């Protein structure tokens, strides 16, 4: 199969969106960490409707969910590429994977902080 770039604006963008959608579906249906985070995102979204959070709180909550899922997607891609390049354990590859996982950790901590700031006052 030979790659051919689509130089037309509309069809090129539509193909890009379709590839991105396929990638998102693959990520959600095959990666356990994303499945968990996607489920948490749905639960938090339901909580937002239930508690009637403000527009500003919705903005922060949506950014937090998107941030965690995006960084987790990048982390997964880095892990897959690293495993493809060097299937056996290698110290440098492990270091790279740890850094990518650390980025997810920071995103998750940020999302937790945002969630606590939004929901602790509501629950108390």
PDB file of N, CA and C in Angstrom:
ATOM      1  N   UNK A   1       0.853  -1.174   0.000  1.00  0.00           N
ATOM      2  CA  UNK A   1       0.000   0.000   0.000  1.00  0.00           C
ATOM      3  C   UNK A   1       0.894   1.231   0.000  1.00  0.00           C
ATOM      4  N   UNK A   2       0.690   2.087  -0.969  1.00  0.00           N
ATOM      5  CA  UNK A   2       1.496   3.283  -1.093  1.00  0.00           C
ATOM      6  C   UNK A   2       0.720   4.475  -0.559  1.00  0.00           C
ATOM      7  N   UNK A   3       1.407   5.324   0.197  1.00  0.00           N
ATOM      8  CA  UNK A   3       0.775   6.510   0.769  1.00  0.00           C
ATOM      9  C   UNK A   3       0.653   7.585  -0.293  1.00  0.00           C
ATOM     10  N   UNK A   4      -0.533   8.138  -0.424  1.00  0.00           N
ATOM     11  CA  UNK A   4      -0.731   9.263  -1.320  1.00  0.00           C
ATOM     12  C   UNK A   4      -1.352  10.396  -0.523  1.00  0.00           C
ATOM     13  N   UNK A   5      -0.667  11.527  -0.525  1.00  0.00           N
ATOM     14  CA  UNK A   5      -1.169  12.683   0.203  1.00  0.00           C
ATOM     15  C   UNK A   5      -2.340  13.292  -0.550  1.00  0.00           C
ATOM     16  N   UNK A   6      -3.370  13.642   0.190  1.00  0.00           N
ATOM     17  CA  UNK A   6      -4.537  14.300  -0.391  1.00  0.00           C
ATOM     18  C   UNK A   6      -4.315  15.804  -0.264  1.00  0.00           C
ATOM     19  N   UNK A   7      -4.111  16.467  -1.387  1.00  0.00           N
ATOM     20  CA  UNK A   7      -3.790  17.889  -1.373  1.00  0.00           C
ATOM     21  C   UNK A   7      -5.013  18.796  -1.391  1.00  0.00           C
ATOM     22  N   UNK A   8      -6.210  18.234  -1.508  1.00  0.00           N
ATOM     23  CA  UNK A   8      -7.389  19.086  -1.496  1.00  0.00           C
ATOM     24  C   UNK A   8      -7.763  19.390  -0.057  1.00  0.00           C
ATOM     25  N   UNK A   9      -8.188  20.606   0.176  1.00  0.00           N
ATOM     26  CA  UNK A   9      -8.424  21.070   1.543  1.00  0.00           C
ATOM     27  C   UNK A   9      -9.526  20.287   2.247  1.00  0.00           C
ATOM     28  N   UNK A  10     -10.683  20.209   1.659  1.00  0.00           N
ATOM     29  CA  UNK A  10     -11.843  19.597   2.321  1.00  0.00           C
ATOM     30  C   UNK A  10     -11.635  18.097   2.529  1.00  0.00           C
ATOM     31  N   UNK A  11     -11.330  17.370   1.476  1.00  0.00           N
ATOM     32  CA  UNK A  11     -11.198  15.915   1.633  1.00  0.00           C
ATOM     33  C   UNK A  11      -9.993  15.557   2.491  1.00  0.00           C
ATOM     34  N   UNK A  12      -8.942  16.361   2.399  1.00  0.00           N
ATOM     35  CA  UNK A  12      -7.771  16.127   3.258  1.00  0.00           C
ATOM     36  C   UNK A  12      -8.120  16.285   4.730  1.00  0.00           C
ATOM     37  N   UNK A  13      -8.908  17.297   5.065  1.00  0.00           N
ATOM     38  CA  UNK A  13      -9.320  17.515   6.459  1.00  0.00           C
ATOM     39  C   UNK A  13     -10.271  16.418   6.924  1.00  0.00           C
ATOM     40  N   UNK A  14     -11.179  16.022   6.034  1.00  0.00           N
ATOM     41  CA  UNK A  14     -12.112  14.949   6.392  1.00  0.00           C
ATOM     42  C   UNK A  14     -11.367  13.646   6.667  1.00  0.00           C
ATOM     43  N   UNK A  15     -10.356  13.338   5.855  1.00  0.00           N
ATOM     44  CA  UNK A  15      -9.557  12.140   6.095  1.00  0.00           C
ATOM     45  C   UNK A  15      -8.815  12.254   7.421  1.00  0.00           C
ATOM     46  N   UNK A  16      -8.264  13.421   7.705  1.00  0.00           N
ATOM     47  CA  UNK A  16      -7.548  13.620   8.974  1.00  0.00           C
ATOM     48  C   UNK A  16      -8.474  13.396  10.160  1.00  0.00           C
ATOM     49  N   UNK A  17      -9.676  13.938  10.089  1.00  0.00           N
ATOM     50  CA  UNK A  17     -10.644  13.763  11.172  1.00  0.00           C
ATOM     51  C   UNK A  17     -11.030  12.293  11.308  1.00  0.00           C
ATOM     52  N   UNK A  18     -11.202  11.607  10.179  1.00  0.00           N
ATOM     53  CA  UNK A  18     -11.579  10.188  10.254  1.00  0.00           C
ATOM     54  C   UNK A  18     -10.450   9.357  10.868  1.00  0.00           C
ATOM     55  N   UNK A  19      -9.197   9.667  10.536  1.00  0.00           N
ATOM     56  CA  UNK A  19      -8.068   8.956  11.146  1.00  0.00           C
ATOM     57  C   UNK A  19      -8.001   9.244  12.648  1.00  0.00           C
ATOM     58  N   UNK A  20      -8.230  10.491  13.015  1.00  0.00           N
ATOM     59  CA  UNK A  20      -8.204  10.859  14.437  1.00  0.00           C
ATOM     60  C   UNK A  20      -9.318  10.146  15.198  1.00  0.00           C
ATOM     61  N   UNK A  21     -10.502  10.074  14.598  1.00  0.00           N
ATOM     62  CA  UNK A  21     -11.619   9.386  15.243  1.00  0.00           C
ATOM     63  C   UNK A  21     -11.313   7.902  15.410  1.00  0.00           C
ATOM     64  N   UNK A  22     -10.766   7.273  14.348  1.00  0.00           N
ATOM     65  CA  UNK A  22     -10.389   5.858  14.442  1.00  0.00           C
ATOM     66  C   UNK A  22      -9.365   5.642  15.543  1.00  0.00           C
ATOM     67  N   UNK A  23      -8.407   6.556  15.647  1.00  0.00           N
ATOM     68  CA  UNK A  23      -7.393   6.452  16.690  1.00  0.00           C
ATOM     69  C   UNK A  23      -7.995   6.573  18.075  1.00  0.00           C
ATOM     70  N   UNK A  24      -8.939   7.493  18.244  1.00  0.00           N
ATOM     71  CA  UNK A  24      -9.600   7.668  19.541  1.00  0.00           C
ATOM     72  C   UNK A  24     -10.384   6.411  19.917  1.00  0.00           C
ATOM     73  N   UNK A  25     -11.085   5.833  18.943  1.00  0.00           N
ATOM     74  CA  UNK A  25     -11.849   4.607  19.199  1.00  0.00           C
ATOM     75  C   UNK A  25     -10.902   3.463  19.562  1.00  0.00           C
ATOM     76  N   UNK A  26      -9.792   3.323  18.828  1.00  0.00           N
ATOM     77  CA  UNK A  26      -8.810   2.285  19.149  1.00  0.00           C
ATOM     78  C   UNK A  26      -8.266   2.481  20.555  1.00  0.00           C
ATOM     79  N   UNK A  27      -7.979   3.714  20.907  1.00  0.00           N
ATOM     80  CA  UNK A  27      -7.438   4.013  22.227  1.00  0.00           C
ATOM     81  C   UNK A  27      -8.428   3.631  23.326  1.00  0.00           C
ATOM     82  N   UNK A  28      -9.673   4.031  23.161  1.00  0.00           N
ATOM     83  CA  UNK A  28     -10.692   3.767  24.186  1.00  0.00           C
ATOM     84  C   UNK A  28     -11.048   2.289  24.271  1.00  0.00           C
ATOM     85  N   UNK A  29     -10.977   1.572  23.158  1.00  0.00           N
ATOM     86  CA  UNK A  29     -11.410   0.165  23.162  1.00  0.00           C
ATOM     87  C   UNK A  29     -10.289  -0.831  23.418  1.00  0.00           C
ATOM     88  N   UNK A  30      -9.030  -0.392  23.381  1.00  0.00           N
ATOM     89  CA  UNK A  30      -7.941  -1.354  23.556  1.00  0.00           C
ATOM     90  C   UNK A  30      -7.028  -1.082  24.747  1.00  0.00           C
ATOM     91  N   UNK A  31      -7.023   0.124  25.270  1.00  0.00           N
ATOM     92  CA  UNK A  31      -6.094   0.479  26.353  1.00  0.00           C
ATOM     93  C   UNK A  31      -6.837   0.608  27.677  1.00  0.00           C
ATOM     94  N   UNK A  32      -6.449  -0.223  28.635  1.00  0.00           N
ATOM     95  CA  UNK A  32      -7.158  -0.265  29.915  1.00  0.00           C
ATOM     96  C   UNK A  32      -7.084   1.049  30.687  1.00  0.00           C
ATOM     97  N   UNK A  33      -5.947   1.711  30.657  1.00  0.00           N
ATOM     98  CA  UNK A  33      -5.835   2.970  31.396  1.00  0.00           C
ATOM     99  C   UNK A  33      -6.779   4.027  30.825  1.00  0.00           C
ATOM    100  N   UNK A  34      -6.908   4.073  29.522  1.00  0.00           N
ATOM    101  CA  UNK A  34      -7.848   5.016  28.902  1.00  0.00           C
ATOM    102  C   UNK A  34      -9.292   4.621  29.202  1.00  0.00           C
ATOM    103  N   UNK A  35      -9.568   3.314  29.228  1.00  0.00           N
ATOM    104  CA  UNK A  35     -10.925   2.860  29.563  1.00  0.00           C
ATOM    105  C   UNK A  35     -11.316   3.367  30.951  1.00  0.00           C
ATOM    106  N   UNK A  36     -10.397   3.254  31.897  1.00  0.00           N
ATOM    107  CA  UNK A  36     -10.661   3.722  33.262  1.00  0.00           C
ATOM    108  C   UNK A  36     -10.858   5.232  33.260  1.00  0.00           C
ATOM    109  N   UNK A  37      -9.945   5.954  32.613  1.00  0.00           N
ATOM    110  CA  UNK A  37     -10.030   7.413  32.611  1.00  0.00           C
ATOM    111  C   UNK A  37     -11.262   7.907  31.856  1.00  0.00           C
ATOM    112  N   UNK A  38     -11.628   7.231  30.782  1.00  0.00           N
ATOM    113  CA  UNK A  38     -12.831   7.588  30.041  1.00  0.00           C
ATOM    114  C   UNK A  38     -14.068   7.382  30.914  1.00  0.00           C
ATOM    115  N   UNK A  39     -14.084   6.279  31.652  1.00  0.00           N
ATOM    116  CA  UNK A  39     -15.203   6.004  32.565  1.00  0.00           C
ATOM    117  C   UNK A  39     -15.290   7.057  33.659  1.00  0.00           C
ATOM    118  N   UNK A  40     -14.145   7.420  34.223  1.00  0.00           N
ATOM    119  CA  UNK A  40     -14.131   8.471  35.247  1.00  0.00           C
ATOM    120  C   UNK A  40     -14.624   9.782  34.644  1.00  0.00           C
ATOM    121  N   UNK A  41     -14.197  10.079  33.420  1.00  0.00           N
ATOM    122  CA  UNK A  41     -14.661  11.296  32.743  1.00  0.00           C
ATOM    123  C   UNK A  41     -16.171  11.319  32.573  1.00  0.00           C
ATOM    124  N   UNK A  42     -16.745  10.172  32.214  1.00  0.00           N
ATOM    125  CA  UNK A  42     -18.200  10.091  32.083  1.00  0.00           C
ATOM    126  C   UNK A  42     -18.880  10.300  33.428  1.00  0.00           C
ATOM    127  N   UNK A  43     -18.361   9.648  34.486  1.00  0.00           N
ATOM    128  CA  UNK A  43     -18.944   9.807  35.821  1.00  0.00           C
ATOM    129  C   UNK A  43     -18.870  11.250  36.298  1.00  0.00           C
ATOM    130  N   UNK A  44     -17.740  11.900  36.066  1.00  0.00           N
ATOM    131  CA  UNK A  44     -17.579  13.295  36.484  1.00  0.00           C
ATOM    132  C   UNK A  44     -18.499  14.204  35.671  1.00  0.00           C
ATOM    133  N   UNK A  45     -18.685  13.882  34.408  1.00  0.00           N
ATOM    134  CA  UNK A  45     -19.613  14.658  33.583  1.00  0.00           C
ATOM    135  C   UNK A  45     -21.037  14.513  34.108  1.00  0.00           C
ATOM    136  N   UNK A  46     -21.419  13.301  34.450  1.00  0.00           N
ATOM    137  CA  UNK A  46     -22.748  13.073  35.051  1.00  0.00           C
ATOM    138  C   UNK A  46     -22.869  13.854  36.358  1.00  0.00           C
ATOM    139  N   UNK A  47     -21.802  13.829  37.173  1.00  0.00           N
ATOM    140  CA  UNK A  47     -21.808  14.582  38.432  1.00  0.00           C
ATOM    141  C   UNK A  47     -21.984  16.072  38.166  1.00  0.00           C
ATOM    142  N   UNK A  48     -21.343  16.566  37.114  1.00  0.00           N
ATOM    143  CA  UNK A  48     -21.486  17.983  36.773  1.00  0.00           C
ATOM    144  C   UNK A  48     -22.923  18.352  36.473  1.00  0.00           C
ATOM    145  N   UNK A  49     -23.625  17.497  35.725  1.00  0.00           N
ATOM    146  CA  UNK A  49     -25.046  17.742  35.446  1.00  0.00           C
ATOM    147  C   UNK A  49     -25.875  17.618  36.718  1.00  0.00           C
ATOM    148  N   UNK A  50     -25.587  16.615  37.520  1.00  0.00           N
ATOM    149  CA  UNK A  50     -26.356  16.369  38.736  1.00  0.00           C
ATOM    150  C   UNK A  50     -26.240  17.546  39.713  1.00  0.00           C
ATOM    151  N   UNK A  51     -25.017  18.040  39.904  1.00  0.00           N
ATOM    152  CA  UNK A  51     -24.797  19.118  40.868  1.00  0.00           C
ATOM    153  C   UNK A  51     -24.960  20.507  40.260  1.00  0.00           C
ATOM    154  N   UNK A  52     -25.174  20.591  38.959  1.00  0.00           N
ATOM    155  CA  UNK A  52     -25.409  21.884  38.318  1.00  0.00           C
ATOM    156  C   UNK A  52     -24.218  22.824  38.431  1.00  0.00           C
ATOM    157  N   UNK A  53     -23.041  22.354  38.075  1.00  0.00           N
ATOM    158  CA  UNK A  53     -21.855  23.198  38.196  1.00  0.00           C
ATOM    159  C   UNK A  53     -21.928  24.363  37.205  1.00  0.00           C
ATOM    160  N   UNK A  54     -21.173  25.421  37.492  1.00  0.00           N
ATOM    161  CA  UNK A  54     -21.208  26.643  36.688  1.00  0.00           C
ATOM    162  C   UNK A  54     -20.490  26.451  35.350  1.00  0.00           C
ATOM    163  N   UNK A  55     -20.660  27.436  34.461  1.00  0.00           N
ATOM    164  CA  UNK A  55     -19.979  27.386  33.161  1.00  0.00           C
ATOM    165  C   UNK A  55     -18.465  27.350  33.342  1.00  0.00           C
ATOM    166  N   UNK A  56     -17.963  28.130  34.260  1.00  0.00           N
ATOM    167  CA  UNK A  56     -16.515  28.154  34.505  1.00  0.00           C
ATOM    168  C   UNK A  56     -16.041  26.802  35.025  1.00  0.00           C
ATOM    169  N   UNK A  57     -16.800  26.206  35.921  1.00  0.00           N
ATOM    170  CA  UNK A  57     -16.443  24.879  36.428  1.00  0.00           C
ATOM    171  C   UNK A  57     -16.481  23.838  35.310  1.00  0.00           C
ATOM    172  N   UNK A  58     -17.464  23.972  34.401  1.00  0.00           N
ATOM    173  CA  UNK A  58     -17.531  23.069  33.246  1.00  0.00           C
ATOM    174  C   UNK A  58     -16.280  23.216  32.377  1.00  0.00           C
ATOM    175  N   UNK A  59     -15.852  24.451  32.176  1.00  0.00           N
ATOM    176  CA  UNK A  59     -14.651  24.679  31.365  1.00  0.00           C
ATOM    177  C   UNK A  59     -13.445  23.971  31.975  1.00  0.00           C
ATOM    178  N   UNK A  60     -13.231  24.187  33.268  1.00  0.00           N
ATOM    179  CA  UNK A  60     -12.090  23.556  33.923  1.00  0.00           C
ATOM    180  C   UNK A  60     -12.214  22.035  33.941  1.00  0.00           C
ATOM    181  N   UNK A  61     -13.401  21.535  34.203  1.00  0.00           N
ATOM    182  CA  UNK A  61     -13.613  20.087  34.237  1.00  0.00           C
ATOM    183  C   UNK A  61     -13.360  19.476  32.862  1.00  0.00           C
ATOM    184  N   UNK A  62     -13.864  20.105  31.808  1.00  0.00           N
ATOM    185  CA  UNK A  62     -13.681  19.602  30.455  1.00  0.00           C
ATOM    186  C   UNK A  62     -12.204  19.623  30.062  1.00  0.00           C
ATOM    187  N   UNK A  63     -11.524  20.706  30.398  1.00  0.00           N
ATOM    188  CA  UNK A  63     -10.080  20.791  30.113  1.00  0.00           C
ATOM    189  C   UNK A  63      -9.327  19.700  30.865  1.00  0.00           C
ATOM    190  N   UNK A  64      -9.691  19.465  32.114  1.00  0.00           N
ATOM    191  CA  UNK A  64      -9.006  18.434  32.907  1.00  0.00           C
ATOM    192  C   UNK A  64      -9.198  17.044  32.308  1.00  0.00           C
ATOM    193  N   UNK A  65     -10.418  16.723  31.917  1.00  0.00           N
ATOM    194  CA  UNK A  65     -10.695  15.415  31.306  1.00  0.00           C
ATOM    195  C   UNK A  65      -9.921  15.282  29.995  1.00  0.00           C
ATOM    196  N   UNK A  66      -9.993  16.305  29.167  1.00  0.00           N
ATOM    197  CA  UNK A  66      -9.282  16.279  27.895  1.00  0.00           C
ATOM    198  C   UNK A  66      -7.773  16.199  28.065  1.00  0.00           C
ATOM    199  N   UNK A  67      -7.254  16.907  29.064  1.00  0.00           N
ATOM    200  CA  UNK A  67      -5.817  16.897  29.334  1.00  0.00           C
ATOM    201  C   UNK A  67      -5.336  15.499  29.693  1.00  0.00           C
ATOM    202  N   UNK A  68      -6.018  14.869  30.630  1.00  0.00           N
ATOM    203  CA  UNK A  68      -5.604  13.536  31.070  1.00  0.00           C
ATOM    204  C   UNK A  68      -5.699  12.535  29.927  1.00  0.00           C
ATOM    205  N   UNK A  69      -6.798  12.552  29.191  1.00  0.00           N
ATOM    206  CA  UNK A  69      -6.960  11.581  28.115  1.00  0.00           C
ATOM    207  C   UNK A  69      -5.976  11.833  26.977  1.00  0.00           C
ATOM    208  N   UNK A  70      -5.703  13.084  26.677  1.00  0.00           N
ATOM    209  CA  UNK A  70      -4.734  13.407  25.625  1.00  0.00           C
ATOM    210  C   UNK A  70      -3.331  12.964  25.999  1.00  0.00           C
ATOM    211  N   UNK A  71      -2.907  13.305  27.202  1.00  0.00           N
ATOM    212  CA  UNK A  71      -1.560  12.928  27.633  1.00  0.00           C
ATOM    213  C   UNK A  71      -1.445  11.407  27.732  1.00  0.00           C
ATOM    214  N   UNK A  72      -2.503  10.749  28.168  1.00  0.00           N
ATOM    215  CA  UNK A  72      -2.478   9.286  28.217  1.00  0.00           C
ATOM    216  C   UNK A  72      -2.363   8.706  26.810  1.00  0.00           C
ATOM    217  N   UNK A  73      -3.018   9.324  25.844  1.00  0.00           N
ATOM    218  CA  UNK A  73      -2.895   8.876  24.460  1.00  0.00           C
ATOM    219  C   UNK A  73      -1.474   9.037  23.943  1.00  0.00           C
ATOM    220  N   UNK A  74      -0.855  10.159  24.245  1.00  0.00           N
ATOM    221  CA  UNK A  74       0.540  10.375  23.841  1.00  0.00           C
ATOM    222  C   UNK A  74       1.447   9.363  24.544  1.00  0.00           C
ATOM    223  N   UNK A  75       1.202   9.129  25.825  1.00  0.00           N
ATOM    224  CA  UNK A  75       1.984   8.143  26.578  1.00  0.00           C
ATOM    225  C   UNK A  75       1.860   6.757  25.937  1.00  0.00           C
ATOM    226  N   UNK A  76       0.661   6.372  25.581  1.00  0.00           N
ATOM    227  CA  UNK A  76       0.437   5.073  24.951  1.00  0.00           C
ATOM    228  C   UNK A  76       1.179   4.984  23.618  1.00  0.00           C
ATOM    229  N   UNK A  77       1.118   6.057  22.834  1.00  0.00           N
ATOM    230  CA  UNK A  77       1.825   6.064  21.550  1.00  0.00           C
ATOM    231  C   UNK A  77       3.335   5.928  21.754  1.00  0.00           C
ATOM    232  N   UNK A  78       3.873   6.639  22.741  1.00  0.00           N
ATOM    233  CA  UNK A  78       5.307   6.543  23.032  1.00  0.00           C
ATOM    234  C   UNK A  78       5.661   5.113  23.435  1.00  0.00           C
ATOM    235  N   UNK A  79       4.843   4.510  24.286  1.00  0.00           N
ATOM    236  CA  UNK A  79       5.101   3.130  24.717  1.00  0.00           C
ATOM    237  C   UNK A  79       5.051   2.165  23.538  1.00  0.00           C
ATOM    238  N   UNK A  80       4.071   2.325  22.654  1.00  0.00           N
ATOM    239  CA  UNK A  80       3.941   1.428  21.501  1.00  0.00           C
ATOM    240  C   UNK A  80       5.136   1.570  20.561  1.00  0.00           C
ATOM    241  N   UNK A  81       5.569   2.795  20.300  1.00  0.00           N
ATOM    242  CA  UNK A  81       6.725   3.016  19.432  1.00  0.00           C
ATOM    243  C   UNK A  81       7.981   2.434  20.078  1.00  0.00           C
ATOM    244  N   UNK A  82       8.149   2.679  21.374  1.00  0.00           N
ATOM    245  CA  UNK A  82       9.321   2.157  22.088  1.00  0.00           C
ATOM    246  C   UNK A  82       9.346   0.629  22.055  1.00  0.00           C
ATOM    247  N   UNK A  83       8.184   0.005  22.273  1.00  0.00           N
ATOM    248  CA  UNK A  83       8.109  -1.456  22.239  1.00  0.00           C
ATOM    249  C   UNK A  83       8.365  -1.998  20.836  1.00  0.00           C
ATOM    250  N   UNK A  84       7.952  -1.259  19.826  1.00  0.00           N
ATOM    251  CA  UNK A  84       8.184  -1.674  18.439  1.00  0.00           C
ATOM    252  C   UNK A  84       9.671  -1.598  18.102  1.00  0.00           C
ATOM    253  N   UNK A  85      10.293  -0.513  18.521  1.00  0.00           N
ATOM    254  CA  UNK A  85      11.716  -0.316  18.211  1.00  0.00           C
ATOM    255  C   UNK A  85      12.593  -1.282  18.994  1.00  0.00           C
ATOM    256  N   UNK A  86      12.248  -1.469  20.268  1.00  0.00           N
ATOM    257  CA  UNK A  86      13.089  -2.312  21.124  1.00  0.00           C
ATOM    258  C   UNK A  86      12.178  -3.181  21.996  1.00  0.00           C
ATOM    259  N   UNK A  87      11.726  -4.354  21.475  1.00  0.00           N
ATOM    260  CA  UNK A  87      10.752  -5.192  22.187  1.00  0.00           C
ATOM    261  C   UNK A  87      11.244  -5.707  23.546  1.00  0.00           C
ATOM    262  N   UNK A  88      12.523  -5.933  23.690  1.00  0.00           N
ATOM    263  CA  UNK A  88      13.063  -6.418  24.962  1.00  0.00           C
ATOM    264  C   UNK A  88      13.325  -5.243  25.895  1.00  0.00           C
ATOM    265  N   UNK A  89      13.424  -5.556  27.180  1.00  0.00           N
ATOM    266  CA  UNK A  89      13.699  -4.488  28.143  1.00  0.00           C
ATOM    267  C   UNK A  89      15.044  -3.833  27.837  1.00  0.00           C
ATOM    268  N   UNK A  90      15.018  -2.511  27.885  1.00  0.00           N
ATOM    269  CA  UNK A  90      16.247  -1.740  27.732  1.00  0.00           C
ATOM    270  C   UNK A  90      16.150  -0.560  28.688  1.00  0.00           C
ATOM    271  N   UNK A  91      17.231  -0.283  29.380  1.00  0.00           N
ATOM    272  CA  UNK A  91      17.219   0.760  30.412  1.00  0.00           C
ATOM    273  C   UNK A  91      16.820   2.120  29.850  1.00  0.00           C
ATOM    274  N   UNK A  92      17.332   2.485  28.701  1.00  0.00           N
ATOM    275  CA  UNK A  92      16.999   3.794  28.117  1.00  0.00           C
ATOM    276  C   UNK A  92      15.537   3.863  27.689  1.00  0.00           C
ATOM    277  N   UNK A  93      15.039   2.779  27.110  1.00  0.00           N
ATOM    278  CA  UNK A  93      13.625   2.736  26.726  1.00  0.00           C
ATOM    279  C   UNK A  93      12.754   2.831  27.976  1.00  0.00           C
ATOM    280  N   UNK A  94      13.138   2.124  29.039  1.00  0.00           N
ATOM    281  CA  UNK A  94      12.410   2.206  30.304  1.00  0.00           C
ATOM    282  C   UNK A  94      12.392   3.621  30.850  1.00  0.00           C
ATOM    283  N   UNK A  95      13.510   4.324  30.726  1.00  0.00           N
ATOM    284  CA  UNK A  95      13.607   5.709  31.186  1.00  0.00           C
ATOM    285  C   UNK A  95      12.630   6.594  30.408  1.00  0.00           C
ATOM    286  N   UNK A  96      12.598   6.414  29.081  1.00  0.00           N
ATOM    287  CA  UNK A  96      11.687   7.197  28.235  1.00  0.00           C
ATOM    288  C   UNK A  96      10.231   6.912  28.604  1.00  0.00           C
ATOM    289  N   UNK A  97       9.899   5.646  28.798  1.00  0.00           N
ATOM    290  CA  UNK A  97       8.523   5.271  29.157  1.00  0.00           C
ATOM    291  C   UNK A  97       8.147   5.824  30.529  1.00  0.00           C
ATOM    292  N   UNK A  98       9.099   5.821  31.461  1.00  0.00           N
ATOM    293  CA  UNK A  98       8.832   6.381  32.789  1.00  0.00           C
ATOM    294  C   UNK A  98       8.545   7.879  32.713  1.00  0.00           C
ATOM    295  N   UNK A  99       9.286   8.589  31.877  1.00  0.00           N
ATOM    296  CA  UNK A  99       9.053  10.029  31.719  1.00  0.00           C
ATOM    297  C   UNK A  99       7.655  10.280  31.146  1.00  0.00           C
ATOM    298  N   UNK A 100       7.276   9.504  30.131  1.00  0.00           N
ATOM    299  CA  UNK A 100       5.942   9.654  29.541  1.00  0.00           C
ATOM    300  C   UNK A 100       4.857   9.360  30.568  1.00  0.00           C
ATOM    301  N   UNK A 101       5.070   8.328  31.384  1.00  0.00           N
ATOM    302  CA  UNK A 101       4.097   8.009  32.445  1.00  0.00           C
ATOM    303  C   UNK A 101       4.062   9.124  33.494  1.00  0.00           C
ATOM    304  N   UNK A 102       5.199   9.735  33.749  1.00  0.00           N
ATOM    305  CA  UNK A 102       5.246  10.863  34.681  1.00  0.00           C
ATOM    306  C   UNK A 102       4.411  12.030  34.197  1.00  0.00           C
ATOM    307  N   UNK A 103       4.389  12.264  32.888  1.00  0.00           N
ATOM    308  CA  UNK A 103       3.555  13.323  32.330  1.00  0.00           C
ATOM    309  C   UNK A 103       2.076  13.046  32.588  1.00  0.00           C
ATOM    310  N   UNK A 104       1.687  11.789  32.457  1.00  0.00           N
ATOM    311  CA  UNK A 104       0.302  11.400  32.754  1.00  0.00           C
ATOM    312  C   UNK A 104       0.012  11.643  34.235  1.00  0.00           C
ATOM    313  N   UNK A 105       0.973  11.316  35.075  1.00  0.00           N
ATOM    314  CA  UNK A 105       0.818  11.511  36.519  1.00  0.00           C
ATOM    315  C   UNK A 105       0.554  12.984  36.838  1.00  0.00           C
ATOM    316  N   UNK A 106       1.326  13.899  36.234  1.00  0.00           N
ATOM    317  CA  UNK A 106       1.111  15.331  36.468  1.00  0.00           C
ATOM    318  C   UNK A 106      -0.266  15.774  35.975  1.00  0.00           C
ATOM    319  N   UNK A 107      -0.675  15.275  34.814  1.00  0.00           N
ATOM    320  CA  UNK A 107      -1.998  15.619  34.289  1.00  0.00           C
ATOM    321  C   UNK A 107      -3.093  15.109  35.217  1.00  0.00           C
ATOM    322  N   UNK A 108      -2.925  13.890  35.730  1.00  0.00           N
ATOM    323  CA  UNK A 108      -3.923  13.305  36.632  1.00  0.00           C
ATOM    324  C   UNK A 108      -3.988  14.094  37.944  1.00  0.00           C
ATOM    325  N   UNK A 109      -2.838  14.480  38.483  1.00  0.00           N
ATOM    326  CA  UNK A 109      -2.838  15.292  39.704  1.00  0.00           C
ATOM    327  C   UNK A 109      -3.558  16.621  39.483  1.00  0.00           C
ATOM    328  N   UNK A 110      -3.326  17.226  38.329  1.00  0.00           N
ATOM    329  CA  UNK A 110      -4.008  18.478  37.989  1.00  0.00           C
ATOM    330  C   UNK A 110      -5.516  18.263  37.921  1.00  0.00           C
ATOM    331  N   UNK A 111      -5.937  17.174  37.278  1.00  0.00           N
ATOM    332  CA  UNK A 111      -7.370  16.876  37.164  1.00  0.00           C
ATOM    333  C   UNK A 111      -7.992  16.611  38.530  1.00  0.00           C
ATOM    334  N   UNK A 112      -7.261  15.902  39.377  1.00  0.00           N
ATOM    335  CA  UNK A 112      -7.767  15.640  40.732  1.00  0.00           C
ATOM    336  C   UNK A 112      -7.927  16.948  41.496  1.00  0.00           C
ATOM    337  N   UNK A 113      -6.945  17.837  41.398  1.00  0.00           N
ATOM    338  CA  UNK A 113      -7.025  19.127  42.082  1.00  0.00           C
ATOM    339  C   UNK A 113      -8.232  19.921  41.590  1.00  0.00           C
ATOM    340  N   UNK A 114      -8.442  19.939  40.277  1.00  0.00           N
ATOM    341  CA  UNK A 114      -9.595  20.652  39.716  1.00  0.00           C
ATOM    342  C   UNK A 114     -10.896  20.041  40.224  1.00  0.00           C
ATOM    343  N   UNK A 115     -10.965  18.712  40.219  1.00  0.00           N
ATOM    344  CA  UNK A 115     -12.165  18.035  40.718  1.00  0.00           C
ATOM    345  C   UNK A 115     -12.443  18.350  42.183  1.00  0.00           C
ATOM    346  N   UNK A 116     -11.401  18.349  42.989  1.00  0.00           N
ATOM    347  CA  UNK A 116     -11.570  18.659  44.411  1.00  0.00           C
ATOM    348  C   UNK A 116     -12.017  20.110  44.612  1.00  0.00           C
ATOM    349  N   UNK A 117     -11.432  21.024  43.848  1.00  0.00           N
ATOM    350  CA  UNK A 117     -11.812  22.433  43.962  1.00  0.00           C
ATOM    351  C   UNK A 117     -13.278  22.619  43.581  1.00  0.00           C
ATOM    352  N   UNK A 118     -13.743  21.902  42.590  1.00  0.00           N
ATOM    353  CA  UNK A 118     -15.136  22.022  42.145  1.00  0.00           C
ATOM    354  C   UNK A 118     -16.100  21.337  43.110  1.00  0.00           C
ATOM    355  N   UNK A 119     -15.783  20.095  43.518  1.00  0.00           N
ATOM    356  CA  UNK A 119     -16.789  19.280  44.196  1.00  0.00           C
ATOM    357  C   UNK A 119     -16.734  19.297  45.719  1.00  0.00           C
ATOM    358  N   UNK A 120     -15.616  19.621  46.323  1.00  0.00           N
ATOM    359  CA  UNK A 120     -15.595  19.669  47.795  1.00  0.00           C
ATOM    360  C   UNK A 120     -16.571  20.712  48.330  1.00  0.00           C
ATOM    361  N   UNK A 121     -16.583  21.955  47.810  1.00  0.00           N
ATOM    362  CA  UNK A 121     -17.577  22.918  48.327  1.00  0.00           C
ATOM    363  C   UNK A 121     -19.026  22.460  48.118  1.00  0.00           C
ATOM    364  N   UNK A 122     -19.275  21.771  47.016  1.00  0.00           N
ATOM    365  CA  UNK A 122     -20.627  21.288  46.733  1.00  0.00           C
ATOM    366  C   UNK A 122     -21.019  20.209  47.739  1.00  0.00           C
ATOM    367  N   UNK A 123     -20.091  19.301  48.013  1.00  0.00           N
ATOM    368  CA  UNK A 123     -20.384  18.176  48.913  1.00  0.00           C
ATOM    369  C   UNK A 123     -20.412  18.584  50.385  1.00  0.00           C
ATOM    370  N   UNK A 124     -19.732  19.675  50.708  1.00  0.00           N
ATOM    371  CA  UNK A 124     -19.748  20.141  52.097  1.00  0.00           C
ATOM    372  C   UNK A 124     -20.854  21.142  52.259  1.00  0.00           C
TER     373      UNK A 124
END
